[in-house]
């Protein structure tokens, strides 16, 4: 009888040890999965939501319409925007924000979505070239708070040429971009 109780106690202790080990494995798996979630994954999980992004001290509110490699697009207009390609992001009311310049985001859901497909044609350069093709006036805000208004004339690998109404064009590095507001008006008309 005592031997049966001893064996039952040992079996119960072993079952408790295995259950604790399993809980630990699950907790480690959850922590590892959370650690692998990027900001872009979190943003992708909030597509269609109203968010506020603060980039280089500049708050931008709008509906999150696209997440690319290194950037996100917000729509500040009241239209129901459907983004099929980068040219759709060159419409007035779009704001393209560099994820590297993002300080905070509010309005995100608790979910995230991993991007399994490569982001072909969705680079900073491709978005800036689409804005240049649209001939829309842009306000370009840099990570240190400078602001340039004009038309995007040319886009290189790591820079863009913005033509201002007065003075010579300015060459801006894409690395220093905080956000680009499409169709925004500051001062003169550039068309």
C-alpha atoms as a PDB file:
ATOM      1  CA  UNK A   1       0.000   0.000   0.000  1.00  0.00           C
ATOM      2  CA  UNK A   2       2.790   2.447   0.905  1.00  0.00           C
ATOM      3  CA  UNK A   3       4.660   1.457  -2.218  1.00  0.00           C
ATOM      4  CA  UNK A   4       1.548   2.192  -4.329  1.00  0.00           C
ATOM      5  CA  UNK A   5       1.257   5.665  -2.775  1.00  0.00           C
ATOM      6  CA  UNK A   6       4.966   6.267  -3.308  1.00  0.00           C
ATOM      7  CA  UNK A   7       4.690   5.278  -6.989  1.00  0.00           C
ATOM      8  CA  UNK A   8       1.558   7.432  -7.395  1.00  0.00           C
ATOM      9  CA  UNK A   9       3.372  10.386  -5.817  1.00  0.00           C
ATOM     10  CA  UNK A  10       6.353   9.878  -8.110  1.00  0.00           C
ATOM     11  CA  UNK A  11       4.073   9.645 -11.156  1.00  0.00           C
ATOM     12  CA  UNK A  12       2.193  12.809 -10.111  1.00  0.00           C
ATOM     13  CA  UNK A  13       5.499  14.655  -9.575  1.00  0.00           C
ATOM     14  CA  UNK A  14       6.722  13.555 -13.008  1.00  0.00           C
ATOM     15  CA  UNK A  15       3.444  14.638 -14.650  1.00  0.00           C
ATOM     16  CA  UNK A  16       3.676  18.029 -12.902  1.00  0.00           C
ATOM     17  CA  UNK A  17       7.303  18.402 -14.054  1.00  0.00           C
ATOM     18  CA  UNK A  18       6.329  17.593 -17.669  1.00  0.00           C
ATOM     19  CA  UNK A  19       3.396  20.039 -17.538  1.00  0.00           C
ATOM     20  CA  UNK A  20       5.657  22.802 -16.169  1.00  0.00           C
ATOM     21  CA  UNK A  21       8.216  22.044 -18.879  1.00  0.00           C
ATOM     22  CA  UNK A  22       5.509  22.251 -21.554  1.00  0.00           C
ATOM     23  CA  UNK A  23       4.264  25.608 -20.170  1.00  0.00           C
ATOM     24  CA  UNK A  24       7.840  26.898 -20.238  1.00  0.00           C
ATOM     25  CA  UNK A  25       8.290  25.748 -23.863  1.00  0.00           C
ATOM     26  CA  UNK A  26       5.060  27.461 -24.902  1.00  0.00           C
ATOM     27  CA  UNK A  27       6.011  30.677 -23.101  1.00  0.00           C
ATOM     28  CA  UNK A  28       9.459  30.642 -24.759  1.00  0.00           C
ATOM     29  CA  UNK A  29       7.830  30.078 -28.157  1.00  0.00           C
ATOM     30  CA  UNK A  30       5.467  33.021 -27.624  1.00  0.00           C
ATOM     31  CA  UNK A  31       8.374  35.252 -26.546  1.00  0.00           C
ATOM     32  CA  UNK A  32      10.436  34.183 -29.551  1.00  0.00           C
ATOM     33  CA  UNK A  33       7.522  34.852 -31.925  1.00  0.00           C
ATOM     34  CA  UNK A  34       6.905  38.300 -30.407  1.00  0.00           C
ATOM     35  CA  UNK A  35      10.609  39.125 -30.620  1.00  0.00           C
ATOM     36  CA  UNK A  36      10.560  38.441 -34.365  1.00  0.00           C
ATOM     37  CA  UNK A  37       7.692  40.891 -35.069  1.00  0.00           C
ATOM     38  CA  UNK A  38       8.857  44.049 -36.840  1.00  0.00           C
ATOM     39  CA  UNK A  39       7.222  47.463 -36.789  1.00  0.00           C
ATOM     40  CA  UNK A  40       6.239  46.912 -40.419  1.00  0.00           C
ATOM     41  CA  UNK A  41       4.508  43.638 -39.407  1.00  0.00           C
ATOM     42  CA  UNK A  42       2.533  45.518 -36.714  1.00  0.00           C
ATOM     43  CA  UNK A  43       1.653  48.274 -39.191  1.00  0.00           C
ATOM     44  CA  UNK A  44       0.565  45.696 -41.795  1.00  0.00           C
ATOM     45  CA  UNK A  45      -1.801  44.258 -39.176  1.00  0.00           C
ATOM     46  CA  UNK A  46      -3.488  47.684 -38.935  1.00  0.00           C
ATOM     47  CA  UNK A  47      -4.085  48.335 -42.651  1.00  0.00           C
ATOM     48  CA  UNK A  48      -7.296  50.319 -43.083  1.00  0.00           C
ATOM     49  CA  UNK A  49      -7.178  51.715 -39.540  1.00  0.00           C
ATOM     50  CA  UNK A  50      -7.004  55.363 -38.554  1.00  0.00           C
ATOM     51  CA  UNK A  51      -3.582  55.917 -37.009  1.00  0.00           C
ATOM     52  CA  UNK A  52      -1.339  58.718 -35.884  1.00  0.00           C
ATOM     53  CA  UNK A  53       2.326  58.445 -36.748  1.00  0.00           C
ATOM     54  CA  UNK A  54       4.905  60.787 -35.268  1.00  0.00           C
ATOM     55  CA  UNK A  55       7.969  61.024 -37.499  1.00  0.00           C
ATOM     56  CA  UNK A  56      10.818  63.404 -36.670  1.00  0.00           C
ATOM     57  CA  UNK A  57       8.546  65.272 -34.279  1.00  0.00           C
ATOM     58  CA  UNK A  58       5.832  65.772 -36.907  1.00  0.00           C
ATOM     59  CA  UNK A  59       2.462  64.082 -36.196  1.00  0.00           C
ATOM     60  CA  UNK A  60       0.597  62.701 -39.210  1.00  0.00           C
ATOM     61  CA  UNK A  61      -2.961  61.366 -38.902  1.00  0.00           C
ATOM     62  CA  UNK A  62      -4.693  59.329 -41.548  1.00  0.00           C
ATOM     63  CA  UNK A  63      -5.891  55.947 -42.671  1.00  0.00           C
ATOM     64  CA  UNK A  64      -3.063  53.441 -43.071  1.00  0.00           C
ATOM     65  CA  UNK A  65      -3.326  52.309 -46.715  1.00  0.00           C
ATOM     66  CA  UNK A  66       0.000  50.637 -47.533  1.00  0.00           C
ATOM     67  CA  UNK A  67       3.151  49.259 -45.919  1.00  0.00           C
ATOM     68  CA  UNK A  68       6.240  48.948 -48.084  1.00  0.00           C
ATOM     69  CA  UNK A  69       9.838  48.106 -47.396  1.00  0.00           C
ATOM     70  CA  UNK A  70      11.025  50.999 -45.228  1.00  0.00           C
ATOM     71  CA  UNK A  71       7.899  53.159 -45.585  1.00  0.00           C
ATOM     72  CA  UNK A  72       4.191  53.404 -44.857  1.00  0.00           C
ATOM     73  CA  UNK A  73       1.460  55.387 -46.608  1.00  0.00           C
ATOM     74  CA  UNK A  74      -1.351  57.236 -44.903  1.00  0.00           C
ATOM     75  CA  UNK A  75      -4.354  58.731 -46.671  1.00  0.00           C
ATOM     76  CA  UNK A  76      -5.569  62.004 -45.211  1.00  0.00           C
ATOM     77  CA  UNK A  77      -8.412  62.466 -47.696  1.00  0.00           C
ATOM     78  CA  UNK A  78     -12.002  61.375 -47.179  1.00  0.00           C
ATOM     79  CA  UNK A  79     -12.034  59.152 -50.269  1.00  0.00           C
ATOM     80  CA  UNK A  80     -12.041  55.385 -50.013  1.00  0.00           C
ATOM     81  CA  UNK A  81      -8.556  54.844 -51.424  1.00  0.00           C
ATOM     82  CA  UNK A  82      -7.607  51.539 -52.961  1.00  0.00           C
ATOM     83  CA  UNK A  83      -3.898  51.082 -53.472  1.00  0.00           C
ATOM     84  CA  UNK A  84      -3.116  48.843 -56.394  1.00  0.00           C
ATOM     85  CA  UNK A  85       0.336  50.204 -57.148  1.00  0.00           C
ATOM     86  CA  UNK A  86       2.752  52.945 -56.226  1.00  0.00           C
ATOM     87  CA  UNK A  87       1.080  55.350 -58.663  1.00  0.00           C
ATOM     88  CA  UNK A  88      -2.019  55.252 -56.417  1.00  0.00           C
ATOM     89  CA  UNK A  89       0.125  56.706 -53.619  1.00  0.00           C
ATOM     90  CA  UNK A  90       0.917  59.817 -55.697  1.00  0.00           C
ATOM     91  CA  UNK A  91      -2.559  61.296 -55.163  1.00  0.00           C
ATOM     92  CA  UNK A  92      -3.165  64.450 -53.142  1.00  0.00           C
ATOM     93  CA  UNK A  93      -3.831  63.562 -49.516  1.00  0.00           C
ATOM     94  CA  UNK A  94      -1.235  60.791 -49.402  1.00  0.00           C
ATOM     95  CA  UNK A  95       1.576  61.012 -46.882  1.00  0.00           C
ATOM     96  CA  UNK A  96       4.509  58.640 -47.218  1.00  0.00           C
ATOM     97  CA  UNK A  97       6.429  58.141 -43.953  1.00  0.00           C
ATOM     98  CA  UNK A  98       9.846  56.513 -43.568  1.00  0.00           C
ATOM     99  CA  UNK A  99       9.637  53.759 -40.965  1.00  0.00           C
ATOM    100  CA  UNK A 100      13.186  54.629 -39.862  1.00  0.00           C
ATOM    101  CA  UNK A 101      11.932  58.118 -38.875  1.00  0.00           C
ATOM    102  CA  UNK A 102       8.900  56.880 -36.914  1.00  0.00           C
ATOM    103  CA  UNK A 103       9.039  57.768 -33.231  1.00  0.00           C
ATOM    104  CA  UNK A 104       5.594  56.478 -32.233  1.00  0.00           C
ATOM    105  CA  UNK A 105       2.341  55.131 -33.644  1.00  0.00           C
ATOM    106  CA  UNK A 106      -1.082  55.178 -32.012  1.00  0.00           C
ATOM    107  CA  UNK A 107      -4.146  53.352 -33.261  1.00  0.00           C
ATOM    108  CA  UNK A 108      -2.460  50.031 -34.034  1.00  0.00           C
ATOM    109  CA  UNK A 109      -4.246  46.762 -33.424  1.00  0.00           C
ATOM    110  CA  UNK A 110      -2.684  44.038 -31.314  1.00  0.00           C
ATOM    111  CA  UNK A 111      -2.325  41.859 -34.422  1.00  0.00           C
ATOM    112  CA  UNK A 112       0.524  41.666 -36.851  1.00  0.00           C
ATOM    113  CA  UNK A 113       0.932  40.276 -40.368  1.00  0.00           C
ATOM    114  CA  UNK A 114       4.203  38.883 -41.648  1.00  0.00           C
ATOM    115  CA  UNK A 115       5.029  39.849 -45.224  1.00  0.00           C
ATOM    116  CA  UNK A 116       5.663  36.613 -47.046  1.00  0.00           C
ATOM    117  CA  UNK A 117       5.839  38.179 -50.530  1.00  0.00           C
ATOM    118  CA  UNK A 118       8.822  40.214 -51.651  1.00  0.00           C
ATOM    119  CA  UNK A 119       8.195  43.945 -51.899  1.00  0.00           C
ATOM    120  CA  UNK A 120       8.951  44.276 -55.614  1.00  0.00           C
ATOM    121  CA  UNK A 121       8.310  47.778 -56.917  1.00  0.00           C
ATOM    122  CA  UNK A 122       7.512  49.065 -53.451  1.00  0.00           C
ATOM    123  CA  UNK A 123      10.783  50.774 -52.546  1.00  0.00           C
ATOM    124  CA  UNK A 124      11.298  54.386 -51.465  1.00  0.00           C
ATOM    125  CA  UNK A 125      12.679  55.103 -54.910  1.00  0.00           C
ATOM    126  CA  UNK A 126       9.680  53.616 -56.722  1.00  0.00           C
ATOM    127  CA  UNK A 127       7.244  55.642 -54.591  1.00  0.00           C
ATOM    128  CA  UNK A 128       9.213  58.867 -55.127  1.00  0.00           C
ATOM    129  CA  UNK A 129       9.395  58.216 -58.891  1.00  0.00           C
ATOM    130  CA  UNK A 130       5.604  57.738 -58.958  1.00  0.00           C
ATOM    131  CA  UNK A 131       5.175  61.051 -57.142  1.00  0.00           C
ATOM    132  CA  UNK A 132       7.539  62.675 -59.653  1.00  0.00           C
ATOM    133  CA  UNK A 133       5.504  61.284 -62.577  1.00  0.00           C
ATOM    134  CA  UNK A 134       2.315  62.694 -61.072  1.00  0.00           C
ATOM    135  CA  UNK A 135       3.815  66.214 -61.069  1.00  0.00           C
ATOM    136  CA  UNK A 136       2.093  66.777 -57.716  1.00  0.00           C
ATOM    137  CA  UNK A 137       3.508  69.365 -55.363  1.00  0.00           C
ATOM    138  CA  UNK A 138       5.111  67.757 -52.340  1.00  0.00           C
ATOM    139  CA  UNK A 139       6.229  68.907 -48.937  1.00  0.00           C
ATOM    140  CA  UNK A 140       9.328  66.970 -47.991  1.00  0.00           C
ATOM    141  CA  UNK A 141      10.099  66.910 -44.257  1.00  0.00           C
ATOM    142  CA  UNK A 142      13.513  65.750 -43.135  1.00  0.00           C
ATOM    143  CA  UNK A 143      14.460  63.864 -40.011  1.00  0.00           C
ATOM    144  CA  UNK A 144      15.917  67.047 -38.485  1.00  0.00           C
ATOM    145  CA  UNK A 145      12.789  69.117 -39.131  1.00  0.00           C
ATOM    146  CA  UNK A 146      13.655  70.958 -42.336  1.00  0.00           C
ATOM    147  CA  UNK A 147      10.893  71.382 -44.901  1.00  0.00           C
ATOM    148  CA  UNK A 148      11.179  71.652 -48.683  1.00  0.00           C
ATOM    149  CA  UNK A 149       8.252  72.245 -51.043  1.00  0.00           C
ATOM    150  CA  UNK A 150       8.321  71.617 -54.766  1.00  0.00           C
ATOM    151  CA  UNK A 151       8.091  69.042 -57.522  1.00  0.00           C
ATOM    152  CA  UNK A 152      10.127  65.851 -57.566  1.00  0.00           C
ATOM    153  CA  UNK A 153      12.180  66.187 -60.752  1.00  0.00           C
ATOM    154  CA  UNK A 154      14.481  63.178 -60.483  1.00  0.00           C
ATOM    155  CA  UNK A 155      15.114  60.246 -58.159  1.00  0.00           C
ATOM    156  CA  UNK A 156      18.448  58.492 -57.829  1.00  0.00           C
ATOM    157  CA  UNK A 157      19.501  55.513 -55.759  1.00  0.00           C
ATOM    158  CA  UNK A 158      19.891  57.549 -52.570  1.00  0.00           C
ATOM    159  CA  UNK A 159      18.614  61.045 -53.373  1.00  0.00           C
ATOM    160  CA  UNK A 160      15.886  63.072 -55.044  1.00  0.00           C
ATOM    161  CA  UNK A 161      15.963  66.415 -56.807  1.00  0.00           C
ATOM    162  CA  UNK A 162      13.150  68.724 -55.711  1.00  0.00           C
ATOM    163  CA  UNK A 163      12.455  71.778 -57.903  1.00  0.00           C
ATOM    164  CA  UNK A 164      11.308  74.754 -55.890  1.00  0.00           C
ATOM    165  CA  UNK A 165       9.475  77.709 -57.416  1.00  0.00           C
ATOM    166  CA  UNK A 166      12.240  80.137 -56.537  1.00  0.00           C
ATOM    167  CA  UNK A 167      15.923  79.391 -56.594  1.00  0.00           C
ATOM    168  CA  UNK A 168      17.790  76.373 -57.762  1.00  0.00           C
ATOM    169  CA  UNK A 169      16.645  72.782 -57.275  1.00  0.00           C
ATOM    170  CA  UNK A 170      17.643  71.127 -54.032  1.00  0.00           C
ATOM    171  CA  UNK A 171      19.106  67.624 -53.840  1.00  0.00           C
ATOM    172  CA  UNK A 172      17.755  65.753 -50.823  1.00  0.00           C
ATOM    173  CA  UNK A 173      19.023  62.425 -49.549  1.00  0.00           C
ATOM    174  CA  UNK A 174      16.350  59.766 -49.213  1.00  0.00           C
ATOM    175  CA  UNK A 175      18.049  58.672 -45.992  1.00  0.00           C
ATOM    176  CA  UNK A 176      17.049  61.998 -44.392  1.00  0.00           C
ATOM    177  CA  UNK A 177      13.342  61.651 -45.269  1.00  0.00           C
ATOM    178  CA  UNK A 178      10.843  61.702 -42.422  1.00  0.00           C
ATOM    179  CA  UNK A 179       7.737  62.096 -44.571  1.00  0.00           C
ATOM    180  CA  UNK A 180       6.542  63.335 -47.939  1.00  0.00           C
ATOM    181  CA  UNK A 181       3.097  64.954 -48.189  1.00  0.00           C
ATOM    182  CA  UNK A 182       1.609  64.701 -51.676  1.00  0.00           C
ATOM    183  CA  UNK A 183      -0.479  67.556 -53.021  1.00  0.00           C
ATOM    184  CA  UNK A 184       0.172  69.778 -50.023  1.00  0.00           C
ATOM    185  CA  UNK A 185       0.427  73.493 -50.735  1.00  0.00           C
ATOM    186  CA  UNK A 186       3.018  75.716 -49.149  1.00  0.00           C
ATOM    187  CA  UNK A 187       3.488  79.114 -50.769  1.00  0.00           C
ATOM    188  CA  UNK A 188       3.376  79.224 -54.573  1.00  0.00           C
ATOM    189  CA  UNK A 189       1.831  76.881 -57.098  1.00  0.00           C
ATOM    190  CA  UNK A 190       4.544  74.778 -58.739  1.00  0.00           C
ATOM    191  CA  UNK A 191       2.648  73.519 -61.790  1.00  0.00           C
END
